[in-house]
Amino acid sequence: MICIQRDSTNPYFNLAAEEYVLKNYSDDIFMLWQNEPCIIVGKHQNTLAEVNPDFVTRNNIPVVRRISGGGTVFHDLGNLNFTFISNGDEEKLVNFRKFTDPVIEVLQNLGLDARFEGRNDITVEGRKISGNAEHVHKNRILHHGTLLFSSQLTDLSDALRVSPEKFHDKAVKSVRSRVTNISEHLTEKMDVIEFKNRILDHIVSKYKDVKMTVFSNDDVKAINKLVDEKYNTWEWNYGYSPGYSFRKRIKANGGSLEFLLDVHNGIIREAKIFGDYFGVRDTEEIEQVLKNTPHHPAQLKEKLENINLSLYFSNITREEFLSGLF
């Protein structure tokens, strides 16, 4: 097994690195890594239905789609991520217990009542401290999981707070669980780096012939190319979302507005606006402006920037109007 040591906390780079190693290395791999605050959505999810756009925009939080399925998670530097990439027979590749057991062993050695529960979780005293996901590529399996060590759980809650009634689609929905930090259950004081080293020491002792390495300059160059072409693009992180219908009603001083959007590949295909507002110009003109625009705050703000919305919606501010679109 090769253990690739990494110090990048850039979520775009870190997720691209996993795909690159999965598809370009042939050895069994183990990696431990951390991300700066970000939201990571599952491959088959509708991004906008999983995140709180106000929190994301206000705090400049990156939102990145991964290649594995499962639900949306919030990462920060108090969260540690682990990755196993392994070869095997195609019919036997998916095995959550195989890759979570080494981590559970570390937690139990630290005195925690850690257990594998449900489809893909590790819990301590019935509360979730780790979610896991897998992705198969040919005869290789990528398994990765989170480990909430000292994360800001309030930020986690705020980042993933969304109104489910706004979206109607067939995308995979996240199931919110009661979570806790590992550090809260430890009798032995340590920080996330010390915890990381405990896991690494256990992996080295558990598996034979572990070789430590880092990415070469060529590796880094190739990973950054994948970041530019995929992981840091709107098309992957938002546009890849399944088609959905969006509906939201807002109340403003100038009256109520109800927005109905039909979105495919992240692009607004149809838009309808209803309400008891007053205006001089025909609302259909704004509906036409919204069509064929990405359903993304920055893109829509730019598209509407030079339009005098007060001619269409009297006494309704631009900010109020834009809030109805998310």
C-alpha atoms as a PDB file:
ATOM      1  CA  MET A   1       0.000   0.000   0.000  1.00  0.00           C
ATOM      2  CA  ILE A   2       1.116   3.531  -0.804  1.00  0.00           C
ATOM      3  CA  CYS A   3       0.293   6.319   1.631  1.00  0.00           C
ATOM      4  CA  ILE A   4       0.248   9.687  -0.134  1.00  0.00           C
ATOM      5  CA  GLN A   5       0.870  12.521   2.304  1.00  0.00           C
ATOM      6  CA  ARG A   6      -0.950  15.722   1.401  1.00  0.00           C
ATOM      7  CA  ASP A   7      -1.046  19.196   2.903  1.00  0.00           C
ATOM      8  CA  SER A   8      -3.386  21.021   0.514  1.00  0.00           C
ATOM      9  CA  THR A   9      -6.643  22.241   2.056  1.00  0.00           C
ATOM     10  CA  ASN A  10      -8.090  23.367  -1.287  1.00  0.00           C
ATOM     11  CA  PRO A  11     -11.318  21.357  -1.831  1.00  0.00           C
ATOM     12  CA  TYR A  12     -11.143  21.583  -5.630  1.00  0.00           C
ATOM     13  CA  PHE A  13      -7.613  20.164  -5.631  1.00  0.00           C
ATOM     14  CA  ASN A  14      -8.361  17.514  -3.018  1.00  0.00           C
ATOM     15  CA  LEU A  15     -11.356  16.050  -4.820  1.00  0.00           C
ATOM     16  CA  ALA A  16      -9.559  16.172  -8.161  1.00  0.00           C
ATOM     17  CA  ALA A  17      -6.619  14.375  -6.524  1.00  0.00           C
ATOM     18  CA  GLU A  18      -8.855  11.451  -5.554  1.00  0.00           C
ATOM     19  CA  GLU A  19     -10.120  10.984  -9.104  1.00  0.00           C
ATOM     20  CA  TYR A  20      -6.612  11.345 -10.500  1.00  0.00           C
ATOM     21  CA  VAL A  21      -5.162   8.695  -8.158  1.00  0.00           C
ATOM     22  CA  LEU A  22      -8.101   6.360  -8.771  1.00  0.00           C
ATOM     23  CA  LYS A  23      -7.619   6.461 -12.529  1.00  0.00           C
ATOM     24  CA  ASN A  24      -3.859   6.902 -12.901  1.00  0.00           C
ATOM     25  CA  TYR A  25      -2.286   4.835 -10.110  1.00  0.00           C
ATOM     26  CA  SER A  26      -2.408   1.048  -9.979  1.00  0.00           C
ATOM     27  CA  ASP A  27      -1.404   0.468  -6.336  1.00  0.00           C
ATOM     28  CA  ASP A  28      -3.609   0.327  -3.270  1.00  0.00           C
ATOM     29  CA  ILE A  29      -3.681   3.833  -1.780  1.00  0.00           C
ATOM     30  CA  PHE A  30      -4.384   5.466   1.578  1.00  0.00           C
ATOM     31  CA  MET A  31      -4.693   9.234   2.111  1.00  0.00           C
ATOM     32  CA  LEU A  32      -5.593  11.563   4.970  1.00  0.00           C
ATOM     33  CA  TRP A  33      -6.521  15.142   4.121  1.00  0.00           C
ATOM     34  CA  GLN A  34      -8.399  18.232   5.234  1.00  0.00           C
ATOM     35  CA  ASN A  35     -10.424  20.909   3.479  1.00  0.00           C
ATOM     36  CA  GLU A  36     -10.903  24.542   4.294  1.00  0.00           C
ATOM     37  CA  PRO A  37     -14.610  25.312   4.908  1.00  0.00           C
ATOM     38  CA  CYS A  38     -16.611  24.008   1.940  1.00  0.00           C
ATOM     39  CA  ILE A  39     -19.692  22.031   0.975  1.00  0.00           C
ATOM     40  CA  ILE A  40     -19.264  18.710  -0.831  1.00  0.00           C
ATOM     41  CA  VAL A  41     -22.308  17.367  -2.679  1.00  0.00           C
ATOM     42  CA  GLY A  42     -22.899  13.820  -3.884  1.00  0.00           C
ATOM     43  CA  LYS A  43     -22.611  13.000  -7.563  1.00  0.00           C
ATOM     44  CA  HIS A  44     -26.333  12.452  -8.073  1.00  0.00           C
ATOM     45  CA  GLN A  45     -27.648  15.412  -6.078  1.00  0.00           C
ATOM     46  CA  ASN A  46     -29.277  18.709  -6.991  1.00  0.00           C
ATOM     47  CA  THR A  47     -26.749  21.178  -5.579  1.00  0.00           C
ATOM     48  CA  LEU A  48     -29.150  24.072  -4.995  1.00  0.00           C
ATOM     49  CA  ALA A  49     -31.559  21.804  -3.126  1.00  0.00           C
ATOM     50  CA  GLU A  50     -28.807  20.820  -0.687  1.00  0.00           C
ATOM     51  CA  VAL A  51     -27.150  24.105   0.271  1.00  0.00           C
ATOM     52  CA  ASN A  52     -28.144  27.376   1.896  1.00  0.00           C
ATOM     53  CA  PRO A  53     -27.248  29.859  -0.879  1.00  0.00           C
ATOM     54  CA  ASP A  54     -27.341  32.892   1.448  1.00  0.00           C
ATOM     55  CA  PHE A  55     -24.815  31.316   3.838  1.00  0.00           C
ATOM     56  CA  VAL A  56     -22.643  30.107   0.956  1.00  0.00           C
ATOM     57  CA  THR A  57     -22.552  33.522  -0.708  1.00  0.00           C
ATOM     58  CA  ARG A  58     -22.117  35.503   2.497  1.00  0.00           C
ATOM     59  CA  ASN A  59     -19.222  33.355   3.695  1.00  0.00           C
ATOM     60  CA  ASN A  60     -17.684  32.672   0.276  1.00  0.00           C
ATOM     61  CA  ILE A  61     -17.957  28.904   0.791  1.00  0.00           C
ATOM     62  CA  PRO A  62     -16.817  26.711  -2.132  1.00  0.00           C
ATOM     63  CA  VAL A  63     -19.379  24.143  -3.270  1.00  0.00           C
ATOM     64  CA  VAL A  64     -17.834  21.115  -4.991  1.00  0.00           C
ATOM     65  CA  ARG A  65     -19.367  17.947  -6.428  1.00  0.00           C
ATOM     66  CA  ARG A  66     -17.566  14.641  -5.800  1.00  0.00           C
ATOM     67  CA  ILE A  67     -17.609  11.546  -8.024  1.00  0.00           C
ATOM     68  CA  SER A  68     -19.161   9.285  -5.379  1.00  0.00           C
ATOM     69  CA  GLY A  69     -22.825   9.050  -4.465  1.00  0.00           C
ATOM     70  CA  GLY A  70     -24.454   9.719  -1.120  1.00  0.00           C
ATOM     71  CA  GLY A  71     -25.396  12.939   0.614  1.00  0.00           C
ATOM     72  CA  THR A  72     -24.036  16.424   1.075  1.00  0.00           C
ATOM     73  CA  VAL A  73     -21.476  17.171   3.804  1.00  0.00           C
ATOM     74  CA  PHE A  74     -19.830  20.262   5.247  1.00  0.00           C
ATOM     75  CA  HIS A  75     -16.040  20.234   5.631  1.00  0.00           C
ATOM     76  CA  ASP A  76     -13.804  22.495   7.685  1.00  0.00           C
ATOM     77  CA  LEU A  77     -10.348  22.149   9.223  1.00  0.00           C
ATOM     78  CA  GLY A  78     -11.864  20.420  12.246  1.00  0.00           C
ATOM     79  CA  ASN A  79     -12.936  17.590   9.956  1.00  0.00           C
ATOM     80  CA  LEU A  80     -10.486  14.909   8.812  1.00  0.00           C
ATOM     81  CA  ASN A  81     -11.078  12.969   5.595  1.00  0.00           C
ATOM     82  CA  PHE A  82      -9.715   9.520   4.830  1.00  0.00           C
ATOM     83  CA  THR A  83      -9.476   7.774   1.471  1.00  0.00           C
ATOM     84  CA  PHE A  84      -8.822   4.146   0.560  1.00  0.00           C
ATOM     85  CA  ILE A  85      -8.370   3.184  -3.091  1.00  0.00           C
ATOM     86  CA  SER A  86      -8.076  -0.531  -3.698  1.00  0.00           C
ATOM     87  CA  ASN A  87      -8.035  -3.117  -6.486  1.00  0.00           C
ATOM     88  CA  GLY A  88     -10.303  -6.139  -6.493  1.00  0.00           C
ATOM     89  CA  ASP A  89     -12.904  -8.255  -8.232  1.00  0.00           C
ATOM     90  CA  GLU A  90     -15.709  -6.170  -9.725  1.00  0.00           C
ATOM     91  CA  GLU A  91     -18.448  -8.079  -7.886  1.00  0.00           C
ATOM     92  CA  LYS A  92     -16.743  -7.647  -4.494  1.00  0.00           C
ATOM     93  CA  LEU A  93     -15.468  -4.074  -4.664  1.00  0.00           C
ATOM     94  CA  VAL A  94     -18.206  -2.299  -2.667  1.00  0.00           C
ATOM     95  CA  ASN A  95     -17.522  -3.050   0.998  1.00  0.00           C
ATOM     96  CA  PHE A  96     -18.104  -0.253   3.503  1.00  0.00           C
ATOM     97  CA  ARG A  97     -17.148  -2.379   6.517  1.00  0.00           C
ATOM     98  CA  LYS A  98     -13.753  -3.279   5.080  1.00  0.00           C
ATOM     99  CA  PHE A  99     -12.667   0.356   4.830  1.00  0.00           C
ATOM    100  CA  THR A 100     -14.330   1.741   7.955  1.00  0.00           C
ATOM    101  CA  ASP A 101     -13.045  -1.004  10.300  1.00  0.00           C
ATOM    102  CA  PRO A 102      -9.473   0.410  10.518  1.00  0.00           C
ATOM    103  CA  VAL A 103     -10.864   3.799  11.558  1.00  0.00           C
ATOM    104  CA  ILE A 104     -13.254   2.227  14.057  1.00  0.00           C
ATOM    105  CA  GLU A 105     -10.296   0.350  15.550  1.00  0.00           C
ATOM    106  CA  VAL A 106      -8.471   3.644  16.151  1.00  0.00           C
ATOM    107  CA  LEU A 107     -11.533   5.163  17.784  1.00  0.00           C
ATOM    108  CA  GLN A 108     -12.055   2.131  20.009  1.00  0.00           C
ATOM    109  CA  ASN A 109      -8.384   2.169  20.998  1.00  0.00           C
ATOM    110  CA  LEU A 110      -8.988   5.736  22.176  1.00  0.00           C
ATOM    111  CA  GLY A 111     -11.794   4.481  24.408  1.00  0.00           C
ATOM    112  CA  LEU A 112     -14.776   5.443  22.255  1.00  0.00           C
ATOM    113  CA  ASP A 113     -17.789   3.204  21.699  1.00  0.00           C
ATOM    114  CA  ALA A 114     -17.510   3.555  17.916  1.00  0.00           C
ATOM    115  CA  ARG A 115     -19.774   1.467  15.703  1.00  0.00           C
ATOM    116  CA  PHE A 116     -20.676   1.039  12.052  1.00  0.00           C
ATOM    117  CA  GLU A 117     -24.396   1.725  11.697  1.00  0.00           C
ATOM    118  CA  GLY A 118     -26.907   2.125   8.904  1.00  0.00           C
ATOM    119  CA  ARG A 119     -25.679   2.029   5.325  1.00  0.00           C
ATOM    120  CA  ASN A 120     -22.509   4.056   5.647  1.00  0.00           C
ATOM    121  CA  ASP A 121     -22.091   5.767   9.024  1.00  0.00           C
ATOM    122  CA  ILE A 122     -19.749   5.517  11.994  1.00  0.00           C
ATOM    123  CA  THR A 123     -21.372   6.567  15.246  1.00  0.00           C
ATOM    124  CA  VAL A 124     -20.308   7.272  18.806  1.00  0.00           C
ATOM    125  CA  GLU A 125     -22.983   6.900  21.481  1.00  0.00           C
ATOM    126  CA  GLY A 126     -25.618   6.825  18.756  1.00  0.00           C
ATOM    127  CA  ARG A 127     -24.538  10.073  17.105  1.00  0.00           C
ATOM    128  CA  LYS A 128     -22.866  10.318  13.712  1.00  0.00           C
ATOM    129  CA  ILE A 129     -19.175  11.203  13.494  1.00  0.00           C
ATOM    130  CA  SER A 130     -18.485   9.838  10.005  1.00  0.00           C
ATOM    131  CA  GLY A 131     -20.299   9.509   6.690  1.00  0.00           C
ATOM    132  CA  ASN A 132     -18.830   7.354   3.931  1.00  0.00           C
ATOM    133  CA  ALA A 133     -19.241   6.964   0.180  1.00  0.00           C
ATOM    134  CA  GLU A 134     -17.748   4.832  -2.601  1.00  0.00           C
ATOM    135  CA  HIS A 135     -17.148   4.995  -6.338  1.00  0.00           C
ATOM    136  CA  VAL A 136     -16.099   2.163  -8.646  1.00  0.00           C
ATOM    137  CA  HIS A 137     -13.838   2.662 -11.656  1.00  0.00           C
ATOM    138  CA  LYS A 138     -13.141  -0.539 -13.617  1.00  0.00           C
ATOM    139  CA  ASN A 139     -11.546  -2.911 -11.082  1.00  0.00           C
ATOM    140  CA  ARG A 140     -10.752  -0.175  -8.544  1.00  0.00           C
ATOM    141  CA  ILE A 141     -12.823   1.143  -5.655  1.00  0.00           C
ATOM    142  CA  LEU A 142     -12.542   4.578  -4.082  1.00  0.00           C
ATOM    143  CA  HIS A 143     -13.819   4.735  -0.514  1.00  0.00           C
ATOM    144  CA  HIS A 144     -13.746   8.012   1.368  1.00  0.00           C
ATOM    145  CA  GLY A 145     -15.192   9.186   4.640  1.00  0.00           C
ATOM    146  CA  THR A 146     -15.425  12.173   6.922  1.00  0.00           C
ATOM    147  CA  LEU A 147     -14.347  12.266  10.557  1.00  0.00           C
ATOM    148  CA  LEU A 148     -15.859  15.087  12.592  1.00  0.00           C
ATOM    149  CA  PHE A 149     -13.141  15.787  15.130  1.00  0.00           C
ATOM    150  CA  SER A 150     -13.596  19.438  16.154  1.00  0.00           C
ATOM    151  CA  SER A 151     -15.799  20.886  13.415  1.00  0.00           C
ATOM    152  CA  GLN A 152     -17.943  23.981  13.839  1.00  0.00           C
ATOM    153  CA  LEU A 153     -21.266  22.184  13.978  1.00  0.00           C
ATOM    154  CA  THR A 154     -23.252  25.421  13.888  1.00  0.00           C
ATOM    155  CA  ASP A 155     -21.658  26.251  10.543  1.00  0.00           C
ATOM    156  CA  LEU A 156     -22.469  22.745   9.347  1.00  0.00           C
ATOM    157  CA  SER A 157     -26.118  23.238  10.223  1.00  0.00           C
ATOM    158  CA  ASP A 158     -26.310  26.723   8.704  1.00  0.00           C
ATOM    159  CA  ALA A 159     -24.556  25.711   5.469  1.00  0.00           C
ATOM    160  CA  LEU A 160     -26.920  22.827   4.814  1.00  0.00           C
ATOM    161  CA  ARG A 161     -30.152  24.483   5.934  1.00  0.00           C
ATOM    162  CA  VAL A 162     -32.510  24.577   2.940  1.00  0.00           C
ATOM    163  CA  SER A 163     -36.260  24.717   2.359  1.00  0.00           C
ATOM    164  CA  PRO A 164     -37.127  21.341   0.758  1.00  0.00           C
ATOM    165  CA  GLU A 165     -40.518  22.538  -0.479  1.00  0.00           C
ATOM    166  CA  LYS A 166     -38.818  24.810  -3.033  1.00  0.00           C
ATOM    167  CA  PHE A 167     -37.518  21.936  -5.156  1.00  0.00           C
ATOM    168  CA  HIS A 168     -39.307  19.076  -6.895  1.00  0.00           C
ATOM    169  CA  ASP A 169     -36.979  16.582  -8.550  1.00  0.00           C
ATOM    170  CA  LYS A 170     -35.782  12.992  -8.559  1.00  0.00           C
ATOM    171  CA  ALA A 171     -32.310  13.761  -7.234  1.00  0.00           C
ATOM    172  CA  VAL A 172     -30.920  11.897  -4.232  1.00  0.00           C
ATOM    173  CA  LYS A 173     -31.805  13.815  -1.046  1.00  0.00           C
ATOM    174  CA  SER A 174     -29.509  14.071   1.955  1.00  0.00           C
ATOM    175  CA  VAL A 175     -30.720  12.647   5.253  1.00  0.00           C
ATOM    176  CA  ARG A 176     -29.734  14.912   8.144  1.00  0.00           C
ATOM    177  CA  SER A 177     -28.431  13.046  11.179  1.00  0.00           C
ATOM    178  CA  ARG A 178     -27.631  13.969  14.753  1.00  0.00           C
ATOM    179  CA  VAL A 179     -23.910  14.574  14.732  1.00  0.00           C
ATOM    180  CA  THR A 180     -21.162  15.045  17.302  1.00  0.00           C
ATOM    181  CA  ASN A 181     -17.440  15.775  17.385  1.00  0.00           C
ATOM    182  CA  ILE A 182     -14.981  13.022  18.294  1.00  0.00           C
ATOM    183  CA  SER A 183     -13.041  15.416  20.538  1.00  0.00           C
ATOM    184  CA  GLU A 184     -16.040  15.776  22.845  1.00  0.00           C
ATOM    185  CA  HIS A 185     -15.842  12.080  23.737  1.00  0.00           C
ATOM    186  CA  LEU A 186     -12.100  11.729  24.306  1.00  0.00           C
ATOM    187  CA  THR A 187     -10.604  11.431  27.770  1.00  0.00           C
ATOM    188  CA  GLU A 188      -7.152  12.013  26.286  1.00  0.00           C
ATOM    189  CA  LYS A 189      -6.556  15.573  25.089  1.00  0.00           C
ATOM    190  CA  MET A 190      -5.369  15.904  21.493  1.00  0.00           C
ATOM    191  CA  ASP A 191      -5.881  18.091  18.447  1.00  0.00           C
ATOM    192  CA  VAL A 192      -6.898  17.056  14.940  1.00  0.00           C
ATOM    193  CA  ILE A 193      -3.267  16.690  13.795  1.00  0.00           C
ATOM    194  CA  GLU A 194      -2.469  14.341  16.674  1.00  0.00           C
ATOM    195  CA  PHE A 195      -5.604  12.386  15.836  1.00  0.00           C
ATOM    196  CA  LYS A 196      -4.494  12.245  12.191  1.00  0.00           C
ATOM    197  CA  ASN A 197      -1.135  10.816  13.274  1.00  0.00           C
ATOM    198  CA  ARG A 198      -2.862   8.143  15.390  1.00  0.00           C
ATOM    199  CA  ILE A 199      -4.755   6.957  12.331  1.00  0.00           C
ATOM    200  CA  LEU A 200      -1.654   7.004  10.158  1.00  0.00           C
ATOM    201  CA  ASP A 201       0.347   5.011  12.731  1.00  0.00           C
ATOM    202  CA  HIS A 202      -2.427   2.423  12.878  1.00  0.00           C
ATOM    203  CA  ILE A 203      -2.532   2.065   9.092  1.00  0.00           C
ATOM    204  CA  VAL A 204       1.236   1.605   8.945  1.00  0.00           C
ATOM    205  CA  SER A 205       1.072  -1.128  11.599  1.00  0.00           C
ATOM    206  CA  LYS A 206      -2.005  -2.849  10.132  1.00  0.00           C
ATOM    207  CA  TYR A 207      -0.950  -3.122   6.480  1.00  0.00           C
ATOM    208  CA  LYS A 208       2.259  -4.678   5.207  1.00  0.00           C
ATOM    209  CA  ASP A 209       4.891  -2.775   3.241  1.00  0.00           C
ATOM    210  CA  VAL A 210       3.317   0.684   3.518  1.00  0.00           C
ATOM    211  CA  LYS A 211       5.324   3.179   1.494  1.00  0.00           C
ATOM    212  CA  MET A 212       5.115   6.905   2.245  1.00  0.00           C
ATOM    213  CA  THR A 213       5.201   9.318  -0.662  1.00  0.00           C
ATOM    214  CA  VAL A 214       3.999  12.704  -1.931  1.00  0.00           C
ATOM    215  CA  PHE A 215       2.660  13.871  -5.256  1.00  0.00           C
ATOM    216  CA  SER A 216       5.293  14.507  -7.912  1.00  0.00           C
ATOM    217  CA  ASN A 217       5.395  17.786  -9.825  1.00  0.00           C
ATOM    218  CA  ASP A 218       3.812  15.987 -12.783  1.00  0.00           C
ATOM    219  CA  ASP A 219       1.042  14.698 -10.518  1.00  0.00           C
ATOM    220  CA  VAL A 220       0.310  18.184  -9.211  1.00  0.00           C
ATOM    221  CA  LYS A 221       0.261  19.586 -12.725  1.00  0.00           C
ATOM    222  CA  ALA A 222      -2.189  16.905 -13.898  1.00  0.00           C
ATOM    223  CA  ILE A 223      -4.430  17.364 -10.846  1.00  0.00           C
ATOM    224  CA  ASN A 224      -4.559  21.119 -11.343  1.00  0.00           C
ATOM    225  CA  LYS A 225      -5.538  20.534 -14.967  1.00  0.00           C
ATOM    226  CA  LEU A 226      -8.446  18.392 -13.735  1.00  0.00           C
ATOM    227  CA  VAL A 227      -9.388  21.192 -11.324  1.00  0.00           C
ATOM    228  CA  ASP A 228      -9.512  23.731 -14.158  1.00  0.00           C
ATOM    229  CA  GLU A 229     -11.402  21.466 -16.540  1.00  0.00           C
ATOM    230  CA  LYS A 230     -13.856  19.916 -14.077  1.00  0.00           C
ATOM    231  CA  TYR A 231     -13.826  20.470 -10.327  1.00  0.00           C
ATOM    232  CA  ASN A 232     -13.753  24.266 -10.351  1.00  0.00           C
ATOM    233  CA  THR A 233     -16.409  24.656 -13.047  1.00  0.00           C
ATOM    234  CA  TRP A 234     -20.039  25.646 -12.727  1.00  0.00           C
ATOM    235  CA  GLU A 235     -20.945  22.904 -15.235  1.00  0.00           C
ATOM    236  CA  TRP A 236     -19.768  20.156 -12.851  1.00  0.00           C
ATOM    237  CA  ASN A 237     -20.708  21.617  -9.477  1.00  0.00           C
ATOM    238  CA  TYR A 238     -24.139  22.993 -10.439  1.00  0.00           C
ATOM    239  CA  GLY A 239     -24.936  22.181 -14.064  1.00  0.00           C
ATOM    240  CA  TYR A 240     -24.516  18.430 -13.552  1.00  0.00           C
ATOM    241  CA  SER A 241     -27.558  18.467 -11.233  1.00  0.00           C
ATOM    242  CA  PRO A 242     -30.618  16.496 -12.384  1.00  0.00           C
ATOM    243  CA  GLY A 243     -33.506  18.488 -13.838  1.00  0.00           C
ATOM    244  CA  TYR A 244     -35.829  20.048 -11.282  1.00  0.00           C
ATOM    245  CA  SER A 245     -38.765  22.384 -10.779  1.00  0.00           C
ATOM    246  CA  PHE A 246     -38.277  25.306  -8.409  1.00  0.00           C
ATOM    247  CA  ARG A 247     -41.092  27.170  -6.677  1.00  0.00           C
ATOM    248  CA  LYS A 248     -40.854  29.997  -4.152  1.00  0.00           C
ATOM    249  CA  ARG A 249     -43.181  32.730  -2.884  1.00  0.00           C
ATOM    250  CA  ILE A 250     -41.988  35.969  -1.279  1.00  0.00           C
ATOM    251  CA  LYS A 251     -43.851  38.853   0.370  1.00  0.00           C
ATOM    252  CA  ALA A 252     -42.593  42.423  -0.135  1.00  0.00           C
ATOM    253  CA  ASN A 253     -43.920  45.940   0.424  1.00  0.00           C
ATOM    254  CA  GLY A 254     -44.994  46.069  -3.206  1.00  0.00           C
ATOM    255  CA  GLY A 255     -46.947  42.818  -3.023  1.00  0.00           C
ATOM    256  CA  SER A 256     -46.346  39.086  -3.264  1.00  0.00           C
ATOM    257  CA  LEU A 257     -44.399  37.284  -5.993  1.00  0.00           C
ATOM    258  CA  GLU A 258     -44.350  33.589  -6.792  1.00  0.00           C
ATOM    259  CA  PHE A 259     -41.557  32.176  -8.956  1.00  0.00           C
ATOM    260  CA  LEU A 260     -41.850  28.955 -10.953  1.00  0.00           C
ATOM    261  CA  LEU A 261     -38.692  27.740 -12.708  1.00  0.00           C
ATOM    262  CA  ASP A 262     -38.073  24.671 -14.840  1.00  0.00           C
ATOM    263  CA  VAL A 263     -34.348  23.886 -14.745  1.00  0.00           C
ATOM    264  CA  HIS A 264     -32.345  21.360 -16.781  1.00  0.00           C
ATOM    265  CA  ASN A 265     -28.576  20.888 -16.536  1.00  0.00           C
ATOM    266  CA  GLY A 266     -28.552  23.938 -14.293  1.00  0.00           C
ATOM    267  CA  ILE A 267     -30.113  26.155 -16.992  1.00  0.00           C
ATOM    268  CA  ILE A 268     -33.512  27.841 -16.614  1.00  0.00           C
ATOM    269  CA  ARG A 269     -35.631  26.569 -19.502  1.00  0.00           C
ATOM    270  CA  GLU A 270     -38.941  28.111 -18.466  1.00  0.00           C
ATOM    271  CA  ALA A 271     -39.797  30.868 -15.978  1.00  0.00           C
ATOM    272  CA  LYS A 272     -43.152  32.111 -14.743  1.00  0.00           C
ATOM    273  CA  ILE A 273     -43.812  34.907 -12.243  1.00  0.00           C
ATOM    274  CA  PHE A 274     -47.183  35.378 -10.527  1.00  0.00           C
ATOM    275  CA  GLY A 275     -48.431  37.660  -7.753  1.00  0.00           C
ATOM    276  CA  ASP A 276     -50.529  40.626  -6.698  1.00  0.00           C
ATOM    277  CA  TYR A 277     -47.863  43.223  -7.547  1.00  0.00           C
ATOM    278  CA  PHE A 278     -48.251  46.244  -9.825  1.00  0.00           C
ATOM    279  CA  GLY A 279     -46.031  47.322 -12.704  1.00  0.00           C
ATOM    280  CA  VAL A 280     -45.875  49.341 -15.912  1.00  0.00           C
ATOM    281  CA  ARG A 281     -44.172  46.795 -18.159  1.00  0.00           C
ATOM    282  CA  ASP A 282     -45.267  43.229 -18.997  1.00  0.00           C
ATOM    283  CA  THR A 283     -43.740  40.628 -16.645  1.00  0.00           C
ATOM    284  CA  GLU A 284     -43.307  38.273 -19.597  1.00  0.00           C
ATOM    285  CA  GLU A 285     -40.308  40.354 -20.667  1.00  0.00           C
ATOM    286  CA  ILE A 286     -38.511  39.443 -17.429  1.00  0.00           C
ATOM    287  CA  GLU A 287     -39.505  35.795 -17.851  1.00  0.00           C
ATOM    288  CA  GLN A 288     -37.799  35.807 -21.240  1.00  0.00           C
ATOM    289  CA  VAL A 289     -34.666  37.347 -19.718  1.00  0.00           C
ATOM    290  CA  LEU A 290     -34.493  34.563 -17.133  1.00  0.00           C
ATOM    291  CA  LYS A 291     -34.757  31.814 -19.745  1.00  0.00           C
ATOM    292  CA  ASN A 292     -31.525  30.121 -20.863  1.00  0.00           C
ATOM    293  CA  THR A 293     -29.642  31.554 -17.873  1.00  0.00           C
ATOM    294  CA  PRO A 294     -27.816  29.399 -15.299  1.00  0.00           C
ATOM    295  CA  HIS A 295     -29.779  29.070 -12.054  1.00  0.00           C
ATOM    296  CA  HIS A 296     -26.952  30.636 -10.110  1.00  0.00           C
ATOM    297  CA  PRO A 297     -27.008  33.821  -7.970  1.00  0.00           C
ATOM    298  CA  ALA A 298     -24.054  35.558  -9.626  1.00  0.00           C
ATOM    299  CA  GLN A 299     -25.218  34.747 -13.160  1.00  0.00           C
ATOM    300  CA  LEU A 300     -28.775  35.948 -12.575  1.00  0.00           C
ATOM    301  CA  LYS A 301     -27.642  39.078 -10.763  1.00  0.00           C
ATOM    302  CA  GLU A 302     -25.450  39.954 -13.735  1.00  0.00           C
ATOM    303  CA  LYS A 303     -28.221  39.175 -16.242  1.00  0.00           C
ATOM    304  CA  LEU A 304     -30.640  41.528 -14.460  1.00  0.00           C
ATOM    305  CA  GLU A 305     -28.086  44.211 -13.593  1.00  0.00           C
ATOM    306  CA  ASN A 306     -29.050  46.719 -16.292  1.00  0.00           C
ATOM    307  CA  ILE A 307     -32.801  46.140 -16.134  1.00  0.00           C
ATOM    308  CA  ASN A 308     -35.019  48.568 -14.250  1.00  0.00           C
ATOM    309  CA  LEU A 309     -37.064  46.028 -12.294  1.00  0.00           C
ATOM    310  CA  SER A 310     -39.211  48.776 -10.721  1.00  0.00           C
ATOM    311  CA  LEU A 311     -40.951  49.158 -14.078  1.00  0.00           C
ATOM    312  CA  TYR A 312     -42.198  45.582 -13.738  1.00  0.00           C
ATOM    313  CA  PHE A 313     -42.570  45.252  -9.948  1.00  0.00           C
ATOM    314  CA  SER A 314     -43.430  48.522  -8.190  1.00  0.00           C
ATOM    315  CA  ASN A 315     -41.998  48.981  -4.664  1.00  0.00           C
ATOM    316  CA  ILE A 316     -40.138  45.657  -4.828  1.00  0.00           C
ATOM    317  CA  THR A 317     -36.382  45.978  -4.481  1.00  0.00           C
ATOM    318  CA  ARG A 318     -33.821  44.226  -6.638  1.00  0.00           C
ATOM    319  CA  GLU A 319     -32.599  42.312  -3.567  1.00  0.00           C
ATOM    320  CA  GLU A 320     -36.127  41.131  -2.774  1.00  0.00           C
ATOM    321  CA  PHE A 321     -36.667  40.005  -6.356  1.00  0.00           C
ATOM    322  CA  LEU A 322     -33.378  38.078  -6.468  1.00  0.00           C
ATOM    323  CA  SER A 323     -34.175  36.420  -3.120  1.00  0.00           C
ATOM    324  CA  GLY A 324     -37.219  34.840  -4.752  1.00  0.00           C
ATOM    325  CA  LEU A 325     -35.073  32.981  -7.250  1.00  0.00           C
ATOM    326  CA  PHE A 326     -33.280  30.819  -4.608  1.00  0.00           C
END
